[in-house]
Protein backbone atom coordinates (compact mmCIF):
# COMPACT_ATOMS: atom_id res chain seq x y z
CA MET A 1 106.96 133.24 93.99
CA PRO A 2 105.83 130.27 91.89
CA LEU A 3 107.16 126.86 92.79
CA LYS A 4 110.06 125.67 90.71
CA ILE A 5 111.69 122.38 89.85
CA THR A 6 115.32 121.59 90.61
CA ARG A 7 117.27 118.43 89.86
CA ARG A 8 119.71 116.98 92.36
CA LYS A 9 123.17 116.48 90.91
CA ASP A 10 123.93 113.36 92.94
CA THR A 11 120.76 111.34 92.26
CA GLY A 12 119.07 113.13 89.37
CA ALA A 13 115.82 113.30 91.37
CA LEU A 14 113.51 116.26 90.87
CA THR A 15 112.56 118.45 93.84
CA ILE A 16 109.73 120.97 94.13
CA THR A 17 110.90 124.07 96.00
CA GLY A 18 109.76 127.62 96.62
CA THR A 19 107.35 129.67 98.72
CA VAL A 20 103.59 129.87 98.26
CA LYS A 21 102.07 133.19 99.34
CA LEU A 22 98.67 132.63 100.95
CA PRO A 23 95.76 135.11 100.84
CA ASP A 24 96.54 136.33 104.38
CA GLY A 25 100.03 137.32 103.28
CA GLN A 26 101.73 134.43 105.00
CA GLY A 27 104.37 132.61 103.00
CA VAL A 28 104.65 128.82 103.23
CA ARG A 29 107.94 127.29 102.17
CA VAL A 30 107.78 124.09 100.15
CA ARG A 31 110.52 121.55 99.60
CA THR A 32 109.39 118.08 98.58
CA ARG A 33 110.45 115.24 96.32
CA ALA A 34 108.49 115.13 93.06
CA GLN A 35 106.63 111.89 92.37
CA SER A 36 108.11 111.70 88.85
CA ASP A 37 111.60 112.31 87.47
CA GLU A 38 110.12 113.62 84.21
CA LEU A 39 110.35 117.42 84.14
CA ALA A 40 106.96 118.06 82.47
CA ILE A 41 105.08 115.85 84.91
CA ALA A 42 106.91 117.36 87.89
CA ARG A 43 105.89 120.84 86.75
CA GLU A 44 102.24 119.75 86.62
CA GLU A 45 102.58 118.31 90.11
CA ALA A 46 104.05 121.60 91.40
CA ALA A 47 101.21 123.59 89.87
CA ALA A 48 98.63 121.23 91.39
CA LEU A 49 100.33 121.46 94.79
CA GLU A 50 100.29 125.26 94.73
CA ALA A 51 96.65 125.33 93.63
CA ARG A 52 95.66 122.93 96.41
CA MET A 53 97.45 125.00 99.07
CA LEU A 54 95.68 128.17 97.91
CA ARG A 55 92.30 126.42 97.76
CA ASP A 56 92.75 125.01 101.27
CA ALA A 57 93.68 128.45 102.56
CA TRP A 58 90.45 129.93 101.17
CA HIS A 59 87.99 127.10 101.84
CA GLY A 60 89.69 124.90 104.43
CA GLN A 61 91.30 121.52 103.94
CA ARG A 62 89.23 119.20 101.76
CA ARG A 63 88.15 115.82 103.06
CA GLY A 64 90.49 113.06 102.05
CA THR A 65 93.65 115.15 101.75
CA ARG A 66 95.22 113.93 104.99
CA SER A 67 97.51 110.94 104.64
CA PHE A 68 96.92 107.34 105.60
CA GLY A 69 99.99 107.56 107.85
CA GLU A 70 98.34 110.37 109.83
CA ALA A 71 95.18 108.28 110.12
CA VAL A 72 97.13 105.28 111.44
CA ILE A 73 98.85 107.42 114.07
CA ALA A 74 95.53 108.98 115.13
CA TYR A 75 93.95 105.53 115.41
CA LEU A 76 96.79 104.18 117.55
CA GLU A 77 96.76 107.23 119.81
CA SER A 78 92.99 107.22 120.30
CA GLN A 79 93.23 104.40 122.85
CA THR A 80 95.59 101.66 124.03
CA ARG A 81 96.22 99.12 121.27
CA SER A 82 97.80 95.69 121.56
CA ALA A 83 101.25 94.88 120.23
CA GLY A 84 99.64 92.64 117.61
CA THR A 85 97.44 95.49 116.36
CA MET A 86 100.45 97.79 116.04
CA ARG A 87 102.37 95.16 114.08
CA ARG A 88 99.45 94.61 111.68
CA LEU A 89 99.00 98.34 111.10
CA ASN A 90 102.72 98.84 110.44
CA ARG A 91 102.58 96.11 107.80
CA LEU A 92 99.43 97.63 106.34
CA LEU A 93 100.99 101.11 106.19
CA ARG A 94 104.00 99.74 104.32
CA ALA A 95 101.71 97.99 101.84
CA VAL A 96 99.28 100.89 101.29
CA GLY A 97 101.83 103.71 101.47
CA ASP A 98 101.43 107.18 102.96
CA VAL A 99 98.81 108.14 100.37
CA PRO A 100 95.93 110.63 100.76
CA LEU A 101 92.89 109.10 102.41
CA GLY A 102 90.72 110.20 99.50
CA SER A 103 92.67 107.96 97.13
CA ILE A 104 92.09 104.76 99.11
CA SER A 105 89.61 102.44 97.41
CA GLN A 106 88.82 98.78 96.90
CA GLU A 107 91.77 98.65 94.51
CA THR A 108 94.01 99.83 97.37
CA ALA A 109 92.79 96.95 99.51
CA THR A 110 93.48 94.52 96.66
CA ARG A 111 97.05 95.81 96.24
CA ALA A 112 97.63 95.60 100.00
CA ARG A 113 96.41 92.01 99.99
CA GLN A 114 98.80 91.12 97.17
CA ALA A 115 101.71 92.75 99.02
CA MET A 116 100.97 91.27 102.43
CA LEU A 117 99.51 87.81 101.81
CA SER A 118 100.08 84.79 99.62
CA LYS A 119 97.88 84.19 96.59
CA ASP A 120 96.09 81.28 98.27
CA ALA A 121 95.34 83.15 101.52
CA ALA A 122 91.97 82.13 102.95
CA PRO A 123 89.12 84.67 102.93
CA ALA A 124 89.24 84.79 106.74
CA THR A 125 92.95 85.68 106.61
CA VAL A 126 92.29 88.46 104.09
CA ARG A 127 89.49 89.81 106.25
CA ARG A 128 91.52 89.80 109.49
CA GLY A 129 94.83 90.88 107.98
CA VAL A 130 93.74 93.56 105.50
CA ILE A 131 90.06 94.52 105.39
CA VAL A 132 89.33 94.78 109.12
CA PRO A 133 92.36 96.94 110.09
CA LEU A 134 92.04 99.10 106.96
CA ARG A 135 88.35 99.70 107.63
CA ALA A 136 89.02 100.46 111.32
CA VAL A 137 91.60 103.15 110.52
CA MET A 138 89.46 104.70 107.79
CA LEU A 139 86.33 104.68 109.97
CA HIS A 140 88.22 106.44 112.78
CA ALA A 141 89.47 109.02 110.28
CA HIS A 142 85.88 109.46 109.06
CA HIS A 143 84.71 110.18 112.59
CA LEU A 144 87.42 112.85 112.81
CA GLY A 145 86.04 114.42 109.62
CA TRP A 146 89.11 113.58 107.58
CA CYS A 147 87.49 111.41 104.88
CA ASP A 148 84.29 109.77 103.73
CA ALA A 149 83.03 106.57 105.35
CA PRO A 150 84.93 103.52 104.06
CA HIS A 151 83.28 100.86 101.91
CA PHE A 152 85.26 97.69 101.25
CA GLN A 153 84.02 94.34 100.03
CA THR A 154 84.75 91.49 102.41
CA PRO A 155 85.74 88.16 100.81
CA ARG A 156 83.10 85.51 101.24
CA GLU A 157 84.06 82.69 103.59
CA PRO A 158 82.95 79.22 102.55
CA GLN A 159 80.70 77.46 105.02
CA GLY A 160 83.01 74.98 106.73
CA ARG A 161 82.54 72.33 109.33
CA THR A 162 82.23 73.32 112.95
CA ARG A 163 84.54 71.03 114.87
CA TYR A 164 83.74 70.06 118.45
CA LEU A 165 84.51 67.35 120.98
CA LEU A 166 82.24 64.81 122.57
CA PRO A 167 82.45 64.69 126.39
CA SER A 168 84.59 61.55 126.33
CA GLU A 169 87.06 63.16 123.91
CA ALA A 170 87.25 66.26 126.06
CA GLU A 171 87.99 64.02 129.05
CA ARG A 172 90.80 62.33 127.14
CA LEU A 173 92.21 65.73 126.21
CA VAL A 174 92.27 66.91 129.83
CA LEU A 175 93.81 63.67 131.09
CA ALA A 176 96.56 63.88 128.45
CA ALA A 177 97.48 67.50 129.25
CA ALA A 178 100.48 68.62 131.27
CA PRO A 179 99.65 69.68 134.86
CA HIS A 180 99.92 73.42 134.13
CA LEU A 181 97.63 73.06 131.09
CA LYS A 182 94.82 71.00 132.66
CA PRO A 183 93.14 73.92 134.50
CA LEU A 184 93.22 76.06 131.36
CA LEU A 185 91.60 73.36 129.20
CA ILE A 186 88.93 72.68 131.84
CA PHE A 187 88.24 76.42 132.03
CA LEU A 188 87.84 76.72 128.24
CA LEU A 189 85.57 73.67 128.02
CA CYS A 190 83.38 74.77 130.93
CA THR A 191 83.03 78.49 130.16
CA GLY A 192 83.38 78.90 126.37
CA ALA A 193 86.04 81.58 126.90
CA ARG A 194 88.22 82.68 124.02
CA MET A 195 91.89 81.95 124.54
CA SER A 196 92.74 85.65 124.85
CA GLU A 197 90.00 86.11 127.48
CA ALA A 198 91.33 83.21 129.54
CA LEU A 199 94.98 84.24 129.41
CA GLU A 200 94.12 87.86 130.26
CA LEU A 201 92.00 86.81 133.25
CA GLU A 202 93.29 88.08 136.62
CA TRP A 203 92.57 86.54 140.01
CA ARG A 204 90.94 89.76 141.18
CA ASP A 205 88.18 89.09 138.61
CA VAL A 206 87.51 85.53 139.80
CA ASP A 207 84.98 84.71 142.53
CA LEU A 208 85.28 81.01 143.38
CA ILE A 209 82.66 81.18 146.13
CA GLY A 210 80.16 82.94 143.88
CA GLN A 211 81.23 80.69 140.95
CA ARG A 212 81.78 83.46 138.44
CA ALA A 213 84.53 85.32 136.53
CA ILE A 214 84.55 88.63 134.70
CA PHE A 215 86.13 89.24 131.29
CA TRP A 216 86.89 92.91 130.79
CA ARG A 217 88.57 92.78 127.38
CA THR A 218 86.28 90.90 125.01
CA LYS A 219 85.95 90.74 121.26
CA GLY A 220 82.75 92.77 121.41
CA GLY A 221 84.30 95.36 123.72
CA ARG A 222 81.80 94.75 126.53
CA ARG A 223 82.34 93.24 129.94
CA ARG A 224 81.06 89.69 130.24
CA ASN A 225 80.30 87.62 133.33
CA VAL A 226 80.66 83.84 133.06
CA TYR A 227 79.41 81.08 135.34
CA LEU A 228 82.04 78.69 136.66
CA PRO A 229 80.74 75.10 136.86
CA PRO A 230 81.88 73.06 139.88
CA ARG A 231 84.68 71.32 137.98
CA THR A 232 86.16 74.69 137.03
CA VAL A 233 86.01 75.93 140.62
CA VAL A 234 87.88 72.84 141.81
CA ALA A 235 90.51 73.17 139.07
CA LEU A 236 91.18 76.82 139.91
CA ALA A 237 91.04 76.43 143.69
CA VAL A 238 94.09 74.15 143.78
CA LEU A 239 96.31 76.50 141.77
CA PRO A 240 99.22 77.65 143.98
CA ASN A 241 99.32 81.26 142.85
CA GLN A 242 96.20 83.26 143.72
CA SER A 243 97.29 86.70 142.49
CA GLY A 244 98.00 88.22 139.09
CA PRO A 245 97.19 86.16 135.99
CA VAL A 246 95.16 83.04 136.68
CA PHE A 247 96.86 80.85 134.07
CA LEU A 248 100.64 80.55 133.94
CA THR A 249 103.19 78.65 131.85
CA HIS A 250 104.95 75.49 133.06
CA GLY A 251 107.63 77.84 134.43
CA ALA A 252 105.01 79.66 136.54
CA ARG A 253 105.33 82.81 134.41
CA PRO A 254 102.58 84.80 132.63
CA TYR A 255 102.13 83.93 128.98
CA ALA A 256 104.12 86.28 126.74
CA ASP A 257 101.90 88.68 124.77
CA ARG A 258 98.87 87.12 126.45
CA ALA A 259 96.36 88.74 124.10
CA ARG A 260 95.15 87.98 120.60
CA GLN A 261 97.22 85.11 119.25
CA GLY A 262 94.37 82.75 118.51
CA GLY A 263 95.72 79.94 120.71
CA GLY A 264 99.29 80.24 119.49
CA GLN A 265 100.55 80.75 123.03
CA ILE A 266 100.09 77.03 123.80
CA LYS A 267 100.60 75.54 120.33
CA THR A 268 103.51 73.24 121.26
CA ALA A 269 101.86 71.83 124.39
CA TRP A 270 98.52 71.66 122.54
CA ARG A 271 99.90 69.50 119.74
CA ALA A 272 101.54 67.12 122.20
CA THR A 273 98.35 66.88 124.24
CA CYS A 274 96.20 66.12 121.19
CA ARG A 275 98.66 63.48 120.04
CA ARG A 276 98.62 61.75 123.44
CA ALA A 277 94.81 61.97 123.54
CA GLY A 278 94.50 60.38 120.11
CA LEU A 279 92.90 63.47 118.56
CA GLY A 280 93.65 64.73 115.05
CA PRO A 281 95.99 67.63 114.20
CA GLU A 282 93.11 69.59 112.66
CA ILE A 283 91.70 70.41 116.09
CA THR A 284 92.58 73.85 117.45
CA PRO A 285 92.24 75.47 120.89
CA HIS A 286 89.38 77.58 119.51
CA ASP A 287 87.44 74.38 118.86
CA LEU A 288 86.99 74.16 122.64
CA ARG A 289 84.77 77.25 122.38
CA HIS A 290 82.77 75.48 119.66
CA THR A 291 82.58 72.47 121.97
CA TRP A 292 81.21 74.49 124.87
CA ALA A 293 78.64 76.19 122.62
CA SER A 294 77.39 72.90 121.17
CA TRP A 295 77.19 71.41 124.68
CA HIS A 296 75.37 74.48 126.00
CA TYR A 297 72.65 74.20 123.36
CA ALA A 298 72.35 70.44 123.82
CA VAL A 299 71.65 70.93 127.53
CA HIS A 300 69.63 74.18 127.56
CA ARG A 301 68.09 74.42 124.05
CA ASP A 302 68.21 78.22 124.28
CA LEU A 303 69.99 80.18 121.52
CA LEU A 304 69.41 83.55 123.20
CA ALA A 305 71.01 82.37 126.45
CA LEU A 306 73.92 80.93 124.45
CA LYS A 307 74.41 84.26 122.65
CA VAL A 308 74.50 86.22 125.91
CA GLU A 309 76.64 83.84 127.93
CA GLY A 310 79.11 83.30 125.09
CA GLY A 311 79.43 86.95 124.15
CA TRP A 312 78.24 86.73 120.54
CA SER A 313 76.70 89.80 118.91
CA SER A 314 73.63 88.11 117.42
CA VAL A 315 71.56 84.94 117.60
CA ALA A 316 72.39 84.29 113.93
CA LEU A 317 76.01 83.68 114.89
CA VAL A 318 75.09 80.89 117.32
CA GLU A 319 72.57 79.09 115.13
CA ARG A 320 75.44 76.97 113.79
CA TYR A 321 75.65 75.24 117.19
CA ALA A 322 72.04 74.08 117.24
CA HIS A 323 71.69 70.30 116.94
CA LEU A 324 75.42 69.66 116.42
CA MET A 325 75.68 67.22 119.32
CA PRO A 326 74.24 63.74 118.80
CA ALA A 327 71.07 63.25 120.83
CA GLY A 328 71.27 61.76 124.30
CA ARG A 329 74.59 63.27 125.43
CA GLU A 330 73.13 65.71 127.93
CA ALA A 331 73.96 63.55 130.97
CA GLU A 332 77.58 63.12 129.84
CA ILE A 333 77.94 66.88 129.41
CA GLU A 334 76.52 67.55 132.88
CA THR A 335 78.86 64.91 134.26
CA PHE A 336 81.88 66.58 132.66
CA TRP A 337 80.92 70.00 134.02
CA HIS A 338 80.46 68.56 137.51
CA GLY A 339 83.79 66.73 137.47
CA ARG A 340 82.89 63.07 137.56
CA ASP A 341 84.26 60.30 135.30
CA THR A 342 82.60 60.15 131.87
CA GLY A 343 84.18 57.05 130.40
CA LEU A 344 86.10 56.88 127.11
CA LYS A 345 83.83 55.63 124.35
CA GLU A 346 83.58 57.86 121.29
CA GLY A 347 85.96 59.21 118.68
CA PHE A 348 86.24 62.75 117.37
CA ALA A 349 83.01 64.28 116.03
CA SER A 350 82.50 67.07 113.50
CA ALA A 351 79.56 68.61 111.74
């Protein structure tokens, strides 16, 4: 029988109810809340719902009719996701709503940004918090045949300064760090590892004799081998615990939620260390990766080698590190990597 509209006595909400008889004789019961409380509009919605069910029965479900909530669940179940990813997707689902995939557009992304972020959010924050996760879910749904390929505009990021440390500043930073933090800072400065890669590193993936470590979970999704300079080997060799995570907190415990916090796991100790070292508050743990990259180019003058060893996806991404370091610092960099005293001469540098 045709779908009909009923109004609840307690709330006044309109409900679409009834049974739709499909071409194969099967009856599908329907009971759903109407999107509008206006009777005429609810009747149009009921008619459209019945027509869509009959059309899908004849021709199969049309692309884009599955919901965004289904797509999020499918994305999360496709492989193991981090706790941070799940939190971001839950926020995104609340902002977007459980709408059909076919209705999601650039306007949807704009509304999600307004709901999730402040008006003055930086382009990088919009990209990481809204565009990237939305595109990832939609692209996975596209591969399942649920919707068309997503196309979202990414906010342009202004070209900012690339902050880095001179060897003497890096030495001051290490000397000012707490004992449990020194090996981690040396590791970051000597390998160019991302913070998440360092904190996820296990002893079973470290070869002190062969002077190398393996990162299994990287931003690009590919395994990466890194060379451990002599100073790094010495710093790791004296650590008391040689099993499980390499880097531990001051309480000798693994860092909570070790992955994907952008350096936030050490923010309190980091600020105190920078203050004692006489370095500005604008410096972040990720700047140690910039430091390593600028040092690497200064010593080797090879952008392709820098791309490979640092795990970047293209040479274009590492061109920013060319010629950042003032000329004539190569010996100081080599000295830092090999663990000898560099002296304390220069102040913080940026380019």
